[in-house]
Amino acid sequence: MVDHEHMFMCKDVVENITDYIDKELDLETLSELEKHTGECPECRSFVDTYKRMLDLAGKLKEKRFVTPEIRNRLKTLLKSKVKPC
């Protein structure tokens, strides 16, 4: 989860994307993520693209689509690609 004493940043969106899609975020983190994506067009595009990718795979509502191993590999890849805001 996010350290709420610090400003929510792009890397936090990447860190929390799967929990956001799976609706597993606490209310404070959810609020911070939605606020940030509302102000950051790159992150909004990232979230929209991620959702479209899952939707196209026909698995948006199936929580087990992304295994823990794939989730960790995806997070590592995304962290290496994200640029600081």
Protein backbone atom coordinates (compact mmCIF):
# COMPACT_ATOMS: atom_id res chain seq x y z
CA MET A 1 0.00 0.00 0.00
CA VAL A 2 0.93 3.67 -0.26
CA ASP A 3 2.71 5.66 2.43
CA HIS A 4 0.03 8.33 2.86
CA GLU A 5 2.47 10.84 4.33
CA HIS A 6 3.96 11.27 0.85
CA MET A 7 2.29 12.47 -2.31
CA PHE A 8 0.82 9.76 -4.55
CA MET A 9 3.06 9.42 -7.58
CA CYS A 10 3.10 7.62 -10.92
CA LYS A 11 5.09 4.74 -9.47
CA ASP A 12 2.29 4.22 -6.92
CA VAL A 13 -0.21 3.78 -9.74
CA VAL A 14 2.01 1.06 -11.22
CA GLU A 15 2.46 -0.53 -7.78
CA ASN A 16 -1.29 -0.64 -7.15
CA ILE A 17 -2.77 -1.28 -10.61
CA THR A 18 -3.68 -4.93 -10.09
CA ASP A 19 -5.21 -4.28 -6.65
CA TYR A 20 -7.14 -1.36 -8.19
CA ILE A 21 -8.50 -3.55 -10.99
CA ASP A 22 -9.32 -6.32 -8.50
CA LYS A 23 -11.04 -3.77 -6.20
CA GLU A 24 -8.75 -4.69 -3.31
CA LEU A 25 -7.46 -1.21 -2.34
CA ASP A 26 -8.29 0.42 0.96
CA LEU A 27 -10.46 3.54 0.61
CA GLU A 28 -7.63 6.00 1.26
CA THR A 29 -5.35 4.45 -1.38
CA LEU A 30 -8.24 4.24 -3.84
CA SER A 31 -9.01 7.92 -3.30
CA GLU A 32 -5.34 8.91 -3.76
CA LEU A 33 -5.03 6.79 -6.93
CA GLU A 34 -8.19 8.23 -8.47
CA LYS A 35 -7.13 11.77 -7.57
CA HIS A 36 -3.70 11.25 -9.14
CA THR A 37 -5.06 9.65 -12.32
CA GLY A 38 -7.50 12.53 -12.61
CA GLU A 39 -4.58 14.96 -12.66
CA CYS A 40 -1.96 12.92 -14.56
CA PRO A 41 -2.87 12.15 -18.19
CA GLU A 42 -0.06 9.58 -18.51
CA CYS A 43 -1.34 7.56 -15.55
CA ARG A 44 -4.95 7.88 -16.71
CA SER A 45 -3.86 6.51 -20.08
CA PHE A 46 -1.92 3.72 -18.35
CA VAL A 47 -4.96 2.65 -16.27
CA ASP A 48 -7.27 2.84 -19.29
CA THR A 49 -4.85 0.82 -21.44
CA TYR A 50 -4.41 -1.80 -18.71
CA LYS A 51 -8.20 -2.16 -18.35
CA ARG A 52 -8.61 -2.43 -22.13
CA MET A 53 -5.93 -5.10 -22.28
CA LEU A 54 -7.77 -7.18 -19.67
CA ASP A 55 -11.12 -6.50 -21.32
CA LEU A 56 -9.80 -7.60 -24.71
CA ALA A 57 -8.56 -10.78 -23.09
CA GLY A 58 -12.11 -11.28 -21.82
CA LYS A 59 -10.89 -11.59 -18.28
CA LEU A 60 -11.67 -8.23 -16.67
CA LYS A 61 -13.97 -9.69 -14.01
CA GLU A 62 -11.95 -12.85 -13.42
CA LYS A 63 -9.64 -12.05 -10.52
CA ARG A 64 -7.41 -15.06 -11.09
CA PHE A 65 -6.45 -13.96 -14.62
CA VAL A 66 -3.12 -12.64 -13.43
CA THR A 67 -1.24 -15.19 -11.31
CA PRO A 68 1.01 -13.91 -8.50
CA GLU A 69 4.09 -14.75 -10.58
CA ILE A 70 2.82 -12.86 -13.62
CA ARG A 71 1.71 -9.97 -11.38
CA ASN A 72 5.22 -9.65 -9.89
CA ARG A 73 6.89 -9.87 -13.30
CA LEU A 74 4.51 -7.25 -14.70
CA LYS A 75 5.14 -4.90 -11.75
CA THR A 76 8.91 -5.27 -12.22
CA LEU A 77 8.61 -4.51 -15.93
CA LEU A 78 6.31 -1.53 -15.39
CA LYS A 79 8.53 -0.09 -12.64
CA SER A 80 11.47 -0.18 -15.02
CA LYS A 81 9.47 1.74 -17.66
CA VAL A 82 7.69 4.41 -15.56
CA LYS A 83 9.05 7.94 -15.68
CA PRO A 84 8.86 10.17 -12.61
CA CYS A 85 6.16 12.86 -12.68
